[in-house]
């Protein structure tokens, strides 16, 4: 890739993703890389342990949320939403949805219907990049998301739409249920429940420009 240098010019620079970076570290023969190699080995062991006892993964997630400063009420709602999301994707799979792209399309239809934004637009609205969108919702936003997906799941279970086109129609109906609830809440509150704030109130200070080599 060509990355912008301090003088403002773009210069060819070697880049890699996170997985590639770890592969490079593993190949470094220096003892200075040993602490990271040990950390990677420890992560590998944890993953194997989780295979035999999935509750370890769940407890680790709860502990991590606590470390990041989330309160217990929010954590309980978030863990529950993860379980319900899995139930929804299982129903979609039964109804002919076959890949992650289609799951993403349906999810966006739900979000657009109740929030007016796709998941990507919602993240940008909150100033997020790689962070999980739901991890940066407050209680009402999370509840409305859960409501939209629960309604979609029940409608899809009852109507049994087949394929992407039919499931999109049902996803919009599920999202609309949350839109009605949102409108009513906002009417009485006198303000929007969809906010730009993220859960931990952080923001990126600097935007870096990149340019792909053709």
C-alpha atoms as a PDB file:
ATOM      1  CA  UNK A   1       0.000   0.000   0.000  1.00  0.00           C
ATOM      2  CA  UNK A   2       0.949   3.613  -0.333  1.00  0.00           C
ATOM      3  CA  UNK A   3       0.814   5.410   3.002  1.00  0.00           C
ATOM      4  CA  UNK A   4       1.005   9.144   3.553  1.00  0.00           C
ATOM      5  CA  UNK A   5       4.394  10.197   4.969  1.00  0.00           C
ATOM      6  CA  UNK A   6       5.130  13.197   7.186  1.00  0.00           C
ATOM      7  CA  UNK A   7       6.078  15.275   4.132  1.00  0.00           C
ATOM      8  CA  UNK A   8       2.609  14.707   2.682  1.00  0.00           C
ATOM      9  CA  UNK A   9       3.726  12.355  -0.084  1.00  0.00           C
ATOM     10  CA  UNK A  10       2.502   8.782  -0.524  1.00  0.00           C
ATOM     11  CA  UNK A  11       5.195   6.087  -0.431  1.00  0.00           C
ATOM     12  CA  UNK A  12       5.009   2.327  -0.887  1.00  0.00           C
ATOM     13  CA  UNK A  13       5.004   0.646   2.528  1.00  0.00           C
ATOM     14  CA  UNK A  14       4.859  -2.996   3.599  1.00  0.00           C
ATOM     15  CA  UNK A  15       1.662  -3.692   5.533  1.00  0.00           C
ATOM     16  CA  UNK A  16      -0.069  -6.692   7.035  1.00  0.00           C
ATOM     17  CA  UNK A  17      -3.202  -7.600   8.960  1.00  0.00           C
ATOM     18  CA  UNK A  18      -3.222  -8.745  12.609  1.00  0.00           C
ATOM     19  CA  UNK A  19      -2.932 -12.435  11.743  1.00  0.00           C
ATOM     20  CA  UNK A  20      -0.041 -11.753   9.408  1.00  0.00           C
ATOM     21  CA  UNK A  21       1.687  -9.640  12.056  1.00  0.00           C
ATOM     22  CA  UNK A  22       1.573 -12.522  14.536  1.00  0.00           C
ATOM     23  CA  UNK A  23       2.958 -14.904  11.893  1.00  0.00           C
ATOM     24  CA  UNK A  24       5.880 -12.521  11.385  1.00  0.00           C
ATOM     25  CA  UNK A  25       6.499 -12.355  15.150  1.00  0.00           C
ATOM     26  CA  UNK A  26       6.493 -16.164  15.390  1.00  0.00           C
ATOM     27  CA  UNK A  27       9.233 -16.329  12.758  1.00  0.00           C
ATOM     28  CA  UNK A  28      11.549 -13.838  14.516  1.00  0.00           C
ATOM     29  CA  UNK A  29      14.496 -15.759  16.068  1.00  0.00           C
ATOM     30  CA  UNK A  30      15.264 -12.973  18.564  1.00  0.00           C
ATOM     31  CA  UNK A  31      14.754 -13.484  22.304  1.00  0.00           C
ATOM     32  CA  UNK A  32      13.066 -10.080  22.356  1.00  0.00           C
ATOM     33  CA  UNK A  33      10.088 -11.666  20.619  1.00  0.00           C
ATOM     34  CA  UNK A  34       9.808 -14.437  23.221  1.00  0.00           C
ATOM     35  CA  UNK A  35       7.309 -12.647  25.544  1.00  0.00           C
ATOM     36  CA  UNK A  36       4.864 -12.219  22.672  1.00  0.00           C
ATOM     37  CA  UNK A  37       5.381 -15.823  21.563  1.00  0.00           C
ATOM     38  CA  UNK A  38       4.597 -16.988  25.096  1.00  0.00           C
ATOM     39  CA  UNK A  39       1.484 -14.816  25.116  1.00  0.00           C
ATOM     40  CA  UNK A  40       0.336 -16.336  21.812  1.00  0.00           C
ATOM     41  CA  UNK A  41       0.917 -19.823  23.200  1.00  0.00           C
ATOM     42  CA  UNK A  42      -1.148 -18.917  26.263  1.00  0.00           C
ATOM     43  CA  UNK A  43      -3.979 -17.688  24.035  1.00  0.00           C
ATOM     44  CA  UNK A  44      -3.846 -20.964  22.128  1.00  0.00           C
ATOM     45  CA  UNK A  45      -4.149 -22.903  25.374  1.00  0.00           C
ATOM     46  CA  UNK A  46      -7.133 -20.800  26.439  1.00  0.00           C
ATOM     47  CA  UNK A  47      -8.918 -21.562  23.168  1.00  0.00           C
ATOM     48  CA  UNK A  48      -8.367 -25.292  23.659  1.00  0.00           C
ATOM     49  CA  UNK A  49      -9.641 -25.063  27.252  1.00  0.00           C
ATOM     50  CA  UNK A  50     -12.771 -23.275  25.990  1.00  0.00           C
ATOM     51  CA  UNK A  51     -13.416 -26.129  23.557  1.00  0.00           C
ATOM     52  CA  UNK A  52     -13.748 -28.532  26.487  1.00  0.00           C
ATOM     53  CA  UNK A  53     -15.552 -26.052  28.777  1.00  0.00           C
ATOM     54  CA  UNK A  54     -17.434 -23.246  26.911  1.00  0.00           C
ATOM     55  CA  UNK A  55     -18.395 -21.595  30.214  1.00  0.00           C
ATOM     56  CA  UNK A  56     -14.776 -20.424  30.488  1.00  0.00           C
ATOM     57  CA  UNK A  57     -15.286 -18.268  27.401  1.00  0.00           C
ATOM     58  CA  UNK A  58     -18.508 -16.817  28.802  1.00  0.00           C
ATOM     59  CA  UNK A  59     -16.913 -15.946  32.134  1.00  0.00           C
ATOM     60  CA  UNK A  60     -13.932 -14.418  30.371  1.00  0.00           C
ATOM     61  CA  UNK A  61     -16.264 -12.202  28.337  1.00  0.00           C
ATOM     62  CA  UNK A  62     -18.059 -11.058  31.505  1.00  0.00           C
ATOM     63  CA  UNK A  63     -14.754 -10.306  33.227  1.00  0.00           C
ATOM     64  CA  UNK A  64     -13.545  -8.353  30.189  1.00  0.00           C
ATOM     65  CA  UNK A  65     -16.701  -6.230  30.111  1.00  0.00           C
ATOM     66  CA  UNK A  66     -16.238  -5.516  33.824  1.00  0.00           C
ATOM     67  CA  UNK A  67     -12.602  -4.537  33.243  1.00  0.00           C
ATOM     68  CA  UNK A  68     -13.710  -2.096  30.527  1.00  0.00           C
ATOM     69  CA  UNK A  69     -16.076  -0.420  32.974  1.00  0.00           C
ATOM     70  CA  UNK A  70     -19.488  -1.801  31.993  1.00  0.00           C
ATOM     71  CA  UNK A  71     -22.055  -2.108  34.789  1.00  0.00           C
ATOM     72  CA  UNK A  72     -23.653  -5.432  35.744  1.00  0.00           C
ATOM     73  CA  UNK A  73     -27.099  -4.553  34.385  1.00  0.00           C
ATOM     74  CA  UNK A  74     -25.686  -3.719  30.969  1.00  0.00           C
ATOM     75  CA  UNK A  75     -23.516  -6.871  30.924  1.00  0.00           C
ATOM     76  CA  UNK A  76     -26.539  -9.063  31.681  1.00  0.00           C
ATOM     77  CA  UNK A  77     -28.482  -7.478  28.792  1.00  0.00           C
ATOM     78  CA  UNK A  78     -25.503  -7.864  26.428  1.00  0.00           C
ATOM     79  CA  UNK A  79     -24.937 -11.553  27.228  1.00  0.00           C
ATOM     80  CA  UNK A  80     -28.654 -12.190  26.750  1.00  0.00           C
ATOM     81  CA  UNK A  81     -28.611 -10.380  23.410  1.00  0.00           C
ATOM     82  CA  UNK A  82     -25.761 -12.595  22.200  1.00  0.00           C
ATOM     83  CA  UNK A  83     -27.839 -15.685  22.965  1.00  0.00           C
ATOM     84  CA  UNK A  84     -30.908 -14.282  21.211  1.00  0.00           C
ATOM     85  CA  UNK A  85     -28.877 -13.223  18.174  1.00  0.00           C
ATOM     86  CA  UNK A  86     -27.712 -16.824  17.743  1.00  0.00           C
ATOM     87  CA  UNK A  87     -31.335 -18.016  17.831  1.00  0.00           C
ATOM     88  CA  UNK A  88     -32.187 -15.535  15.067  1.00  0.00           C
ATOM     89  CA  UNK A  89     -29.339 -16.654  12.808  1.00  0.00           C
ATOM     90  CA  UNK A  90     -30.393 -20.272  13.363  1.00  0.00           C
ATOM     91  CA  UNK A  91     -33.902 -19.415  12.125  1.00  0.00           C
ATOM     92  CA  UNK A  92     -32.442 -17.585   9.126  1.00  0.00           C
ATOM     93  CA  UNK A  93     -30.343 -20.641   8.317  1.00  0.00           C
ATOM     94  CA  UNK A  94     -33.432 -22.848   8.424  1.00  0.00           C
ATOM     95  CA  UNK A  95     -35.103 -20.398   6.039  1.00  0.00           C
ATOM     96  CA  UNK A  96     -32.438 -20.655   3.355  1.00  0.00           C
ATOM     97  CA  UNK A  97     -29.904 -18.014   4.380  1.00  0.00           C
ATOM     98  CA  UNK A  98     -26.530 -19.505   3.531  1.00  0.00           C
ATOM     99  CA  UNK A  99     -23.634 -17.106   4.087  1.00  0.00           C
ATOM    100  CA  UNK A 100     -22.352 -14.201   6.161  1.00  0.00           C
ATOM    101  CA  UNK A 101     -23.066 -11.650   3.430  1.00  0.00           C
ATOM    102  CA  UNK A 102     -26.768 -12.515   3.517  1.00  0.00           C
ATOM    103  CA  UNK A 103     -26.785 -12.385   7.332  1.00  0.00           C
ATOM    104  CA  UNK A 104     -25.247  -8.900   7.105  1.00  0.00           C
ATOM    105  CA  UNK A 105     -27.834  -7.774   4.536  1.00  0.00           C
ATOM    106  CA  UNK A 106     -30.698  -8.889   6.768  1.00  0.00           C
ATOM    107  CA  UNK A 107     -29.138  -7.272   9.819  1.00  0.00           C
ATOM    108  CA  UNK A 108     -28.799  -3.997   7.915  1.00  0.00           C
ATOM    109  CA  UNK A 109     -32.453  -4.141   6.867  1.00  0.00           C
ATOM    110  CA  UNK A 110     -33.458  -4.477  10.526  1.00  0.00           C
ATOM    111  CA  UNK A 111     -31.210  -1.596  11.607  1.00  0.00           C
ATOM    112  CA  UNK A 112     -32.321   0.687   8.773  1.00  0.00           C
ATOM    113  CA  UNK A 113     -35.964   0.120   9.599  1.00  0.00           C
ATOM    114  CA  UNK A 114     -35.778   1.177  13.248  1.00  0.00           C
ATOM    115  CA  UNK A 115     -32.703   3.422  13.431  1.00  0.00           C
ATOM    116  CA  UNK A 116     -32.565   4.851   9.902  1.00  0.00           C
ATOM    117  CA  UNK A 117     -28.989   3.628   9.483  1.00  0.00           C
ATOM    118  CA  UNK A 118     -27.131   0.518   8.383  1.00  0.00           C
ATOM    119  CA  UNK A 119     -24.837  -1.103  10.939  1.00  0.00           C
ATOM    120  CA  UNK A 120     -21.824   0.557   9.276  1.00  0.00           C
ATOM    121  CA  UNK A 121     -23.497   3.974   9.268  1.00  0.00           C
ATOM    122  CA  UNK A 122     -24.519   3.503  12.891  1.00  0.00           C
ATOM    123  CA  UNK A 123     -20.898   2.756  13.843  1.00  0.00           C
ATOM    124  CA  UNK A 124     -19.677   5.817  11.969  1.00  0.00           C
ATOM    125  CA  UNK A 125     -22.358   7.906  13.704  1.00  0.00           C
ATOM    126  CA  UNK A 126     -20.908   6.805  17.048  1.00  0.00           C
ATOM    127  CA  UNK A 127     -17.321   7.369  15.929  1.00  0.00           C
ATOM    128  CA  UNK A 128     -16.403   3.665  15.948  1.00  0.00           C
ATOM    129  CA  UNK A 129     -14.035   1.660  13.764  1.00  0.00           C
ATOM    130  CA  UNK A 130     -13.367  -1.964  14.664  1.00  0.00           C
ATOM    131  CA  UNK A 131     -15.312  -1.789  17.928  1.00  0.00           C
ATOM    132  CA  UNK A 132     -18.519  -3.800  18.252  1.00  0.00           C
ATOM    133  CA  UNK A 133     -21.587  -1.627  17.668  1.00  0.00           C
ATOM    134  CA  UNK A 134     -23.729  -3.267  20.362  1.00  0.00           C
ATOM    135  CA  UNK A 135     -20.938  -2.924  22.898  1.00  0.00           C
ATOM    136  CA  UNK A 136     -21.317   0.826  22.438  1.00  0.00           C
ATOM    137  CA  UNK A 137     -25.084   1.100  22.779  1.00  0.00           C
ATOM    138  CA  UNK A 138     -26.786   2.303  25.923  1.00  0.00           C
ATOM    139  CA  UNK A 139     -29.604   0.315  27.531  1.00  0.00           C
ATOM    140  CA  UNK A 140     -32.440   1.668  25.378  1.00  0.00           C
ATOM    141  CA  UNK A 141     -30.537   1.245  22.116  1.00  0.00           C
ATOM    142  CA  UNK A 142     -29.682  -2.312  23.089  1.00  0.00           C
ATOM    143  CA  UNK A 143     -33.285  -3.069  24.074  1.00  0.00           C
ATOM    144  CA  UNK A 144     -34.602  -1.709  20.761  1.00  0.00           C
ATOM    145  CA  UNK A 145     -32.063  -3.807  18.867  1.00  0.00           C
ATOM    146  CA  UNK A 146     -33.122  -6.891  20.830  1.00  0.00           C
ATOM    147  CA  UNK A 147     -36.806  -6.099  20.206  1.00  0.00           C
ATOM    148  CA  UNK A 148     -36.266  -5.752  16.454  1.00  0.00           C
ATOM    149  CA  UNK A 149     -34.442  -9.076  16.253  1.00  0.00           C
ATOM    150  CA  UNK A 150     -36.853 -10.911  18.558  1.00  0.00           C
ATOM    151  CA  UNK A 151     -39.792  -9.716  16.440  1.00  0.00           C
ATOM    152  CA  UNK A 152     -37.954 -10.780  13.279  1.00  0.00           C
ATOM    153  CA  UNK A 153     -37.211 -14.200  14.740  1.00  0.00           C
ATOM    154  CA  UNK A 154     -40.810 -14.859  15.758  1.00  0.00           C
ATOM    155  CA  UNK A 155     -42.204 -13.632  12.450  1.00  0.00           C
ATOM    156  CA  UNK A 156     -39.687 -15.698  10.495  1.00  0.00           C
ATOM    157  CA  UNK A 157     -40.482 -18.769  12.583  1.00  0.00           C
ATOM    158  CA  UNK A 158     -44.208 -18.372  11.934  1.00  0.00           C
ATOM    159  CA  UNK A 159     -44.163 -17.247   8.302  1.00  0.00           C
ATOM    160  CA  UNK A 160     -41.180 -19.388   7.219  1.00  0.00           C
ATOM    161  CA  UNK A 161     -39.905 -17.124   4.425  1.00  0.00           C
ATOM    162  CA  UNK A 162     -37.527 -18.834   2.001  1.00  0.00           C
ATOM    163  CA  UNK A 163     -34.389 -17.219   0.638  1.00  0.00           C
ATOM    164  CA  UNK A 164     -32.984 -13.719   0.936  1.00  0.00           C
ATOM    165  CA  UNK A 165     -35.744 -11.749  -0.788  1.00  0.00           C
ATOM    166  CA  UNK A 166     -38.551 -13.136   1.389  1.00  0.00           C
ATOM    167  CA  UNK A 167     -36.464 -12.873   4.575  1.00  0.00           C
ATOM    168  CA  UNK A 168     -35.753  -9.193   3.834  1.00  0.00           C
ATOM    169  CA  UNK A 169     -39.498  -8.482   3.936  1.00  0.00           C
ATOM    170  CA  UNK A 170     -39.775 -10.152   7.349  1.00  0.00           C
ATOM    171  CA  UNK A 171     -36.640  -8.392   8.646  1.00  0.00           C
ATOM    172  CA  UNK A 172     -38.217  -5.038   7.777  1.00  0.00           C
ATOM    173  CA  UNK A 173     -41.351  -6.006   9.698  1.00  0.00           C
ATOM    174  CA  UNK A 174     -39.227  -6.885  12.738  1.00  0.00           C
ATOM    175  CA  UNK A 175     -37.356  -3.615  12.497  1.00  0.00           C
ATOM    176  CA  UNK A 176     -40.621  -1.714  12.182  1.00  0.00           C
ATOM    177  CA  UNK A 177     -41.804  -3.117  15.523  1.00  0.00           C
ATOM    178  CA  UNK A 178     -38.799  -1.483  17.198  1.00  0.00           C
ATOM    179  CA  UNK A 179     -39.366   1.711  15.162  1.00  0.00           C
ATOM    180  CA  UNK A 180     -42.878   2.032  16.618  1.00  0.00           C
ATOM    181  CA  UNK A 181     -41.476   1.579  20.138  1.00  0.00           C
ATOM    182  CA  UNK A 182     -38.691   4.085  19.451  1.00  0.00           C
ATOM    183  CA  UNK A 183     -41.098   6.709  18.116  1.00  0.00           C
ATOM    184  CA  UNK A 184     -43.311   6.380  21.176  1.00  0.00           C
ATOM    185  CA  UNK A 185     -40.383   6.637  23.597  1.00  0.00           C
ATOM    186  CA  UNK A 186     -38.938   9.663  21.827  1.00  0.00           C
ATOM    187  CA  UNK A 187     -42.335  11.368  21.695  1.00  0.00           C
ATOM    188  CA  UNK A 188     -42.576  11.183  25.467  1.00  0.00           C
ATOM    189  CA  UNK A 189     -38.901  11.904  26.158  1.00  0.00           C
ATOM    190  CA  UNK A 190     -38.680  14.767  23.724  1.00  0.00           C
ATOM    191  CA  UNK A 191     -35.286  13.617  22.469  1.00  0.00           C
ATOM    192  CA  UNK A 192     -33.686  10.955  20.321  1.00  0.00           C
ATOM    193  CA  UNK A 193     -32.684   7.664  21.935  1.00  0.00           C
ATOM    194  CA  UNK A 194     -30.132   7.037  19.179  1.00  0.00           C
ATOM    195  CA  UNK A 195     -27.049   8.881  20.359  1.00  0.00           C
ATOM    196  CA  UNK A 196     -23.589   9.645  19.045  1.00  0.00           C
ATOM    197  CA  UNK A 197     -21.996   8.689  22.342  1.00  0.00           C
ATOM    198  CA  UNK A 198     -20.281   5.327  22.635  1.00  0.00           C
ATOM    199  CA  UNK A 199     -20.412   3.290  25.817  1.00  0.00           C
ATOM    200  CA  UNK A 200     -17.009   4.258  27.188  1.00  0.00           C
ATOM    201  CA  UNK A 201     -16.877   7.800  25.734  1.00  0.00           C
ATOM    202  CA  UNK A 202     -13.663   7.382  23.752  1.00  0.00           C
ATOM    203  CA  UNK A 203     -12.860   8.834  20.351  1.00  0.00           C
ATOM    204  CA  UNK A 204     -10.160   8.675  17.711  1.00  0.00           C
ATOM    205  CA  UNK A 205      -7.897  11.706  17.669  1.00  0.00           C
ATOM    206  CA  UNK A 206      -6.237  11.348  14.295  1.00  0.00           C
ATOM    207  CA  UNK A 207      -7.465  10.062  10.931  1.00  0.00           C
ATOM    208  CA  UNK A 208      -4.781   8.429   8.776  1.00  0.00           C
ATOM    209  CA  UNK A 209      -5.149   8.354   5.016  1.00  0.00           C
ATOM    210  CA  UNK A 210      -4.278   5.270   2.988  1.00  0.00           C
ATOM    211  CA  UNK A 211      -4.075   4.683  -0.740  1.00  0.00           C
ATOM    212  CA  UNK A 212      -4.145   1.293  -2.478  1.00  0.00           C
ATOM    213  CA  UNK A 213      -1.591   0.502  -5.180  1.00  0.00           C
ATOM    214  CA  UNK A 214      -3.280  -0.436  -8.455  1.00  0.00           C
END
